[in-house]
Amino acid sequence: MKYLVIAALVVLVFVLVYRRVRPYLELFQKITGAAASVRDSETGRSRKVTGGNKLRRCVACETWVPADRAITVGGSSVYCSRGCLEKVPAKRKDKLAG
């Protein structure tokens, strides 16, 4: 019985402290969110993640890249970067383009 009363008092104190601190926590979250959005806008990055972006496989290194970042040559050949595009021999590029 004694432990039940102590537990109830601890829970009551926790609830009272949380109710007093909650507005400050919400303010802190708003400030950090605003700071992150300003930082991302200055660096040019976007925090939005699109769920409908499909992955494509690079022809040269066979890694998977998002379709919006992939370099497409000839309509069907996909590369992850300019480096991979330059790695492919000229004969293969001509065959892929034609």
N, C-alpha and C. Protein backbone atom coordinates (compact mmCIF):
# COMPACT_ATOMS: atom_id res chain seq x y z
N MET A 1 0.82 -1.19 0.00
CA MET A 1 0.00 0.00 0.00
C MET A 1 0.87 1.26 0.00
N LYS A 2 1.94 1.21 0.80
CA LYS A 2 2.82 2.35 0.90
C LYS A 2 3.46 2.66 -0.45
N TYR A 3 3.85 1.64 -1.22
CA TYR A 3 4.49 1.83 -2.53
C TYR A 3 3.50 2.37 -3.55
N LEU A 4 2.25 2.01 -3.43
CA LEU A 4 1.22 2.52 -4.33
C LEU A 4 1.03 4.02 -4.12
N VAL A 5 1.04 4.47 -2.88
CA VAL A 5 0.90 5.90 -2.58
C VAL A 5 2.12 6.65 -3.09
N ILE A 6 3.31 6.10 -2.92
CA ILE A 6 4.53 6.75 -3.40
C ILE A 6 4.52 6.83 -4.93
N ALA A 7 4.11 5.76 -5.59
CA ALA A 7 4.04 5.75 -7.04
C ALA A 7 3.03 6.79 -7.54
N ALA A 8 1.90 6.89 -6.86
CA ALA A 8 0.88 7.87 -7.26
C ALA A 8 1.42 9.29 -7.09
N LEU A 9 2.15 9.55 -6.02
CA LEU A 9 2.74 10.87 -5.80
C LEU A 9 3.80 11.19 -6.87
N VAL A 10 4.60 10.22 -7.23
CA VAL A 10 5.61 10.43 -8.27
C VAL A 10 4.94 10.75 -9.60
N VAL A 11 3.89 10.01 -9.94
CA VAL A 11 3.17 10.27 -11.18
C VAL A 11 2.53 11.66 -11.15
N LEU A 12 1.95 12.04 -10.04
CA LEU A 12 1.33 13.36 -9.90
C LEU A 12 2.37 14.47 -10.07
N VAL A 13 3.52 14.33 -9.46
CA VAL A 13 4.58 15.32 -9.59
C VAL A 13 5.06 15.39 -11.04
N PHE A 14 5.22 14.26 -11.67
CA PHE A 14 5.64 14.23 -13.07
C PHE A 14 4.64 14.94 -13.96
N VAL A 15 3.36 14.68 -13.78
CA VAL A 15 2.32 15.32 -14.59
C VAL A 15 2.32 16.82 -14.38
N LEU A 16 2.43 17.26 -13.14
CA LEU A 16 2.44 18.70 -12.86
C LEU A 16 3.67 19.39 -13.47
N VAL A 17 4.83 18.77 -13.36
CA VAL A 17 6.04 19.35 -13.94
C VAL A 17 5.94 19.36 -15.46
N TYR A 18 5.43 18.30 -16.04
CA TYR A 18 5.31 18.23 -17.50
C TYR A 18 4.37 19.31 -18.02
N ARG A 19 3.26 19.53 -17.33
CA ARG A 19 2.30 20.56 -17.76
C ARG A 19 2.93 21.94 -17.74
N ARG A 20 3.85 22.20 -16.80
CA ARG A 20 4.51 23.50 -16.73
C ARG A 20 5.62 23.63 -17.78
N VAL A 21 6.25 22.54 -18.14
CA VAL A 21 7.39 22.58 -19.05
C VAL A 21 6.96 22.44 -20.51
N ARG A 22 5.82 21.85 -20.77
CA ARG A 22 5.37 21.56 -22.14
C ARG A 22 5.37 22.77 -23.07
N PRO A 23 4.88 23.95 -22.68
CA PRO A 23 4.94 25.10 -23.59
C PRO A 23 6.36 25.47 -24.01
N TYR A 24 7.31 25.33 -23.10
CA TYR A 24 8.70 25.62 -23.43
C TYR A 24 9.28 24.59 -24.38
N LEU A 25 8.88 23.33 -24.20
CA LEU A 25 9.33 22.29 -25.13
C LEU A 25 8.79 22.54 -26.53
N GLU A 26 7.52 22.93 -26.64
CA GLU A 26 6.93 23.21 -27.95
C GLU A 26 7.62 24.41 -28.60
N LEU A 27 7.93 25.43 -27.82
CA LEU A 27 8.63 26.60 -28.34
C LEU A 27 10.03 26.21 -28.84
N PHE A 28 10.71 25.37 -28.09
CA PHE A 28 12.03 24.89 -28.49
C PHE A 28 11.96 24.12 -29.80
N GLN A 29 10.94 23.27 -29.98
CA GLN A 29 10.78 22.52 -31.22
C GLN A 29 10.51 23.45 -32.39
N LYS A 30 9.71 24.48 -32.20
CA LYS A 30 9.44 25.44 -33.27
C LYS A 30 10.70 26.18 -33.67
N ILE A 31 11.49 26.59 -32.69
CA ILE A 31 12.72 27.33 -32.98
C ILE A 31 13.72 26.45 -33.73
N THR A 32 13.90 25.22 -33.29
CA THR A 32 14.84 24.34 -33.97
C THR A 32 14.35 23.97 -35.36
N GLY A 33 13.05 23.82 -35.54
CA GLY A 33 12.50 23.55 -36.87
C GLY A 33 12.70 24.72 -37.81
N ALA A 34 12.51 25.94 -37.30
CA ALA A 34 12.72 27.13 -38.13
C ALA A 34 14.19 27.28 -38.48
N ALA A 35 15.06 27.01 -37.53
CA ALA A 35 16.50 27.11 -37.79
C ALA A 35 16.93 26.08 -38.83
N ALA A 36 16.38 24.89 -38.76
CA ALA A 36 16.73 23.85 -39.74
C ALA A 36 16.24 24.22 -41.13
N SER A 37 15.04 24.80 -41.22
CA SER A 37 14.53 25.17 -42.54
C SER A 37 15.33 26.32 -43.13
N VAL A 38 15.79 27.26 -42.30
CA VAL A 38 16.64 28.35 -42.80
C VAL A 38 17.97 27.79 -43.27
N ARG A 39 18.55 26.89 -42.51
CA ARG A 39 19.82 26.28 -42.89
C ARG A 39 19.69 25.53 -44.20
N ASP A 40 18.61 24.77 -44.36
CA ASP A 40 18.41 24.00 -45.58
C ASP A 40 18.16 24.91 -46.78
N SER A 41 17.46 26.02 -46.57
CA SER A 41 17.21 26.93 -47.69
C SER A 41 18.50 27.64 -48.11
N GLU A 42 19.41 27.89 -47.16
CA GLU A 42 20.68 28.52 -47.50
C GLU A 42 21.59 27.57 -48.26
N THR A 43 21.55 26.29 -47.93
CA THR A 43 22.41 25.32 -48.61
C THR A 43 21.76 24.78 -49.87
N GLY A 44 20.50 25.07 -50.08
CA GLY A 44 19.81 24.61 -51.29
C GLY A 44 19.23 23.22 -51.18
N ARG A 45 19.30 22.64 -50.02
CA ARG A 45 18.74 21.30 -49.84
C ARG A 45 17.27 21.39 -49.47
N SER A 46 16.56 20.37 -49.82
CA SER A 46 15.15 20.31 -49.47
C SER A 46 14.94 19.16 -48.50
N ARG A 47 14.11 19.38 -47.50
CA ARG A 47 13.85 18.33 -46.52
C ARG A 47 12.70 17.43 -46.93
N LYS A 48 12.00 17.81 -47.99
CA LYS A 48 10.86 17.02 -48.40
C LYS A 48 11.32 15.74 -49.07
N VAL A 49 10.68 14.64 -48.72
CA VAL A 49 11.00 13.35 -49.31
C VAL A 49 9.77 12.89 -50.06
N THR A 50 9.95 12.63 -51.34
CA THR A 50 8.82 12.17 -52.13
C THR A 50 8.79 10.65 -52.12
N GLY A 51 7.64 10.12 -51.84
CA GLY A 51 7.51 8.67 -51.77
C GLY A 51 7.39 8.02 -53.12
N GLY A 52 7.01 8.79 -54.16
CA GLY A 52 6.79 8.21 -55.47
C GLY A 52 8.01 8.17 -56.35
N ASN A 53 9.18 8.52 -55.86
CA ASN A 53 10.38 8.55 -56.66
C ASN A 53 10.92 7.13 -56.82
N LYS A 54 10.99 6.66 -58.05
CA LYS A 54 11.45 5.29 -58.29
C LYS A 54 12.96 5.25 -58.41
N LEU A 55 13.52 4.09 -58.15
CA LEU A 55 14.96 3.89 -58.26
C LEU A 55 15.30 3.33 -59.63
N ARG A 56 16.44 3.76 -60.17
CA ARG A 56 16.94 3.26 -61.45
C ARG A 56 18.34 2.73 -61.22
N ARG A 57 18.74 1.72 -62.00
CA ARG A 57 20.06 1.12 -61.84
C ARG A 57 21.02 1.72 -62.85
N CYS A 58 22.20 2.11 -62.37
CA CYS A 58 23.24 2.68 -63.22
C CYS A 58 23.81 1.58 -64.11
N VAL A 59 24.00 1.89 -65.38
CA VAL A 59 24.53 0.93 -66.35
C VAL A 59 25.99 0.62 -66.05
N ALA A 60 26.77 1.61 -65.63
CA ALA A 60 28.20 1.42 -65.44
C ALA A 60 28.55 0.71 -64.14
N CYS A 61 28.03 1.19 -63.00
CA CYS A 61 28.43 0.62 -61.71
C CYS A 61 27.33 -0.20 -61.04
N GLU A 62 26.16 -0.23 -61.62
CA GLU A 62 25.02 -1.02 -61.15
C GLU A 62 24.53 -0.63 -59.76
N THR A 63 24.73 0.63 -59.38
CA THR A 63 24.14 1.10 -58.12
C THR A 63 22.77 1.68 -58.41
N TRP A 64 21.94 1.73 -57.39
CA TRP A 64 20.58 2.26 -57.54
C TRP A 64 20.58 3.74 -57.18
N VAL A 65 19.95 4.55 -58.02
CA VAL A 65 19.83 5.99 -57.79
C VAL A 65 18.39 6.40 -57.99
N PRO A 66 17.94 7.47 -57.30
CA PRO A 66 16.58 7.97 -57.53
C PRO A 66 16.43 8.46 -58.97
N ALA A 67 15.27 8.25 -59.54
CA ALA A 67 15.04 8.59 -60.95
C ALA A 67 15.22 10.07 -61.22
N ASP A 68 14.91 10.93 -60.25
CA ASP A 68 15.08 12.36 -60.50
C ASP A 68 16.53 12.81 -60.48
N ARG A 69 17.44 12.00 -59.94
CA ARG A 69 18.86 12.33 -59.92
C ARG A 69 19.65 11.58 -60.98
N ALA A 70 19.02 10.63 -61.65
CA ALA A 70 19.71 9.81 -62.64
C ALA A 70 19.93 10.59 -63.93
N ILE A 71 21.02 10.26 -64.64
CA ILE A 71 21.32 10.84 -65.94
C ILE A 71 20.90 9.82 -66.98
N THR A 72 19.94 10.19 -67.83
CA THR A 72 19.42 9.26 -68.82
C THR A 72 19.99 9.62 -70.19
N VAL A 73 20.53 8.60 -70.87
CA VAL A 73 21.09 8.78 -72.21
C VAL A 73 20.37 7.83 -73.15
N GLY A 74 19.88 8.35 -74.25
CA GLY A 74 19.23 7.50 -75.24
C GLY A 74 17.89 6.95 -74.79
N GLY A 75 17.30 7.49 -73.77
CA GLY A 75 15.98 7.08 -73.32
C GLY A 75 15.96 5.87 -72.41
N SER A 76 16.99 5.01 -72.49
CA SER A 76 16.95 3.81 -71.66
C SER A 76 18.21 3.61 -70.82
N SER A 77 19.32 4.20 -71.18
CA SER A 77 20.55 4.04 -70.42
C SER A 77 20.58 5.04 -69.28
N VAL A 78 20.79 4.54 -68.08
CA VAL A 78 20.75 5.37 -66.87
C VAL A 78 22.11 5.33 -66.20
N TYR A 79 22.60 6.51 -65.78
CA TYR A 79 23.87 6.63 -65.08
C TYR A 79 23.65 7.39 -63.79
N CYS A 80 24.45 7.04 -62.77
CA CYS A 80 24.30 7.69 -61.47
C CYS A 80 25.05 9.00 -61.40
N SER A 81 26.10 9.17 -62.21
CA SER A 81 26.90 10.39 -62.16
C SER A 81 27.60 10.59 -63.50
N ARG A 82 28.20 11.76 -63.64
CA ARG A 82 28.97 12.03 -64.87
C ARG A 82 30.19 11.14 -64.92
N GLY A 83 30.74 10.81 -63.78
CA GLY A 83 31.90 9.92 -63.73
C GLY A 83 31.59 8.56 -64.34
N CYS A 84 30.44 8.00 -64.00
CA CYS A 84 30.04 6.71 -64.58
C CYS A 84 29.74 6.86 -66.07
N LEU A 85 29.19 7.98 -66.46
CA LEU A 85 28.90 8.23 -67.87
C LEU A 85 30.19 8.27 -68.67
N GLU A 86 31.25 8.85 -68.09
CA GLU A 86 32.53 8.93 -68.78
C GLU A 86 33.30 7.61 -68.75
N LYS A 87 32.99 6.71 -67.82
CA LYS A 87 33.66 5.41 -67.74
C LYS A 87 33.29 4.49 -68.89
N VAL A 88 32.08 4.62 -69.39
CA VAL A 88 31.59 3.73 -70.43
C VAL A 88 32.34 4.02 -71.72
N PRO A 89 32.88 2.97 -72.39
CA PRO A 89 33.62 3.18 -73.65
C PRO A 89 32.73 3.81 -74.72
N ALA A 90 33.36 4.51 -75.66
CA ALA A 90 32.63 5.21 -76.72
C ALA A 90 31.80 4.25 -77.56
N LYS A 91 32.30 3.04 -77.81
CA LYS A 91 31.54 2.07 -78.61
C LYS A 91 30.22 1.73 -77.94
N ARG A 92 30.28 1.53 -76.64
CA ARG A 92 29.07 1.17 -75.92
C ARG A 92 28.08 2.33 -75.91
N LYS A 93 28.59 3.57 -75.81
CA LYS A 93 27.71 4.73 -75.83
C LYS A 93 26.99 4.82 -77.17
N ASP A 94 27.72 4.57 -78.26
CA ASP A 94 27.09 4.63 -79.58
C ASP A 94 26.03 3.54 -79.72
N LYS A 95 26.34 2.35 -79.22
CA LYS A 95 25.38 1.26 -79.30
C LYS A 95 24.14 1.55 -78.46
N LEU A 96 24.35 2.14 -77.28
CA LEU A 96 23.22 2.45 -76.42
C LEU A 96 22.37 3.58 -76.98
N ALA A 97 22.99 4.56 -77.62
CA ALA A 97 22.26 5.69 -78.16
C ALA A 97 21.50 5.30 -79.43
N GLY A 98 21.98 4.35 -80.17
CA GLY A 98 21.35 3.99 -81.45
C GLY A 98 20.59 2.76 -81.42
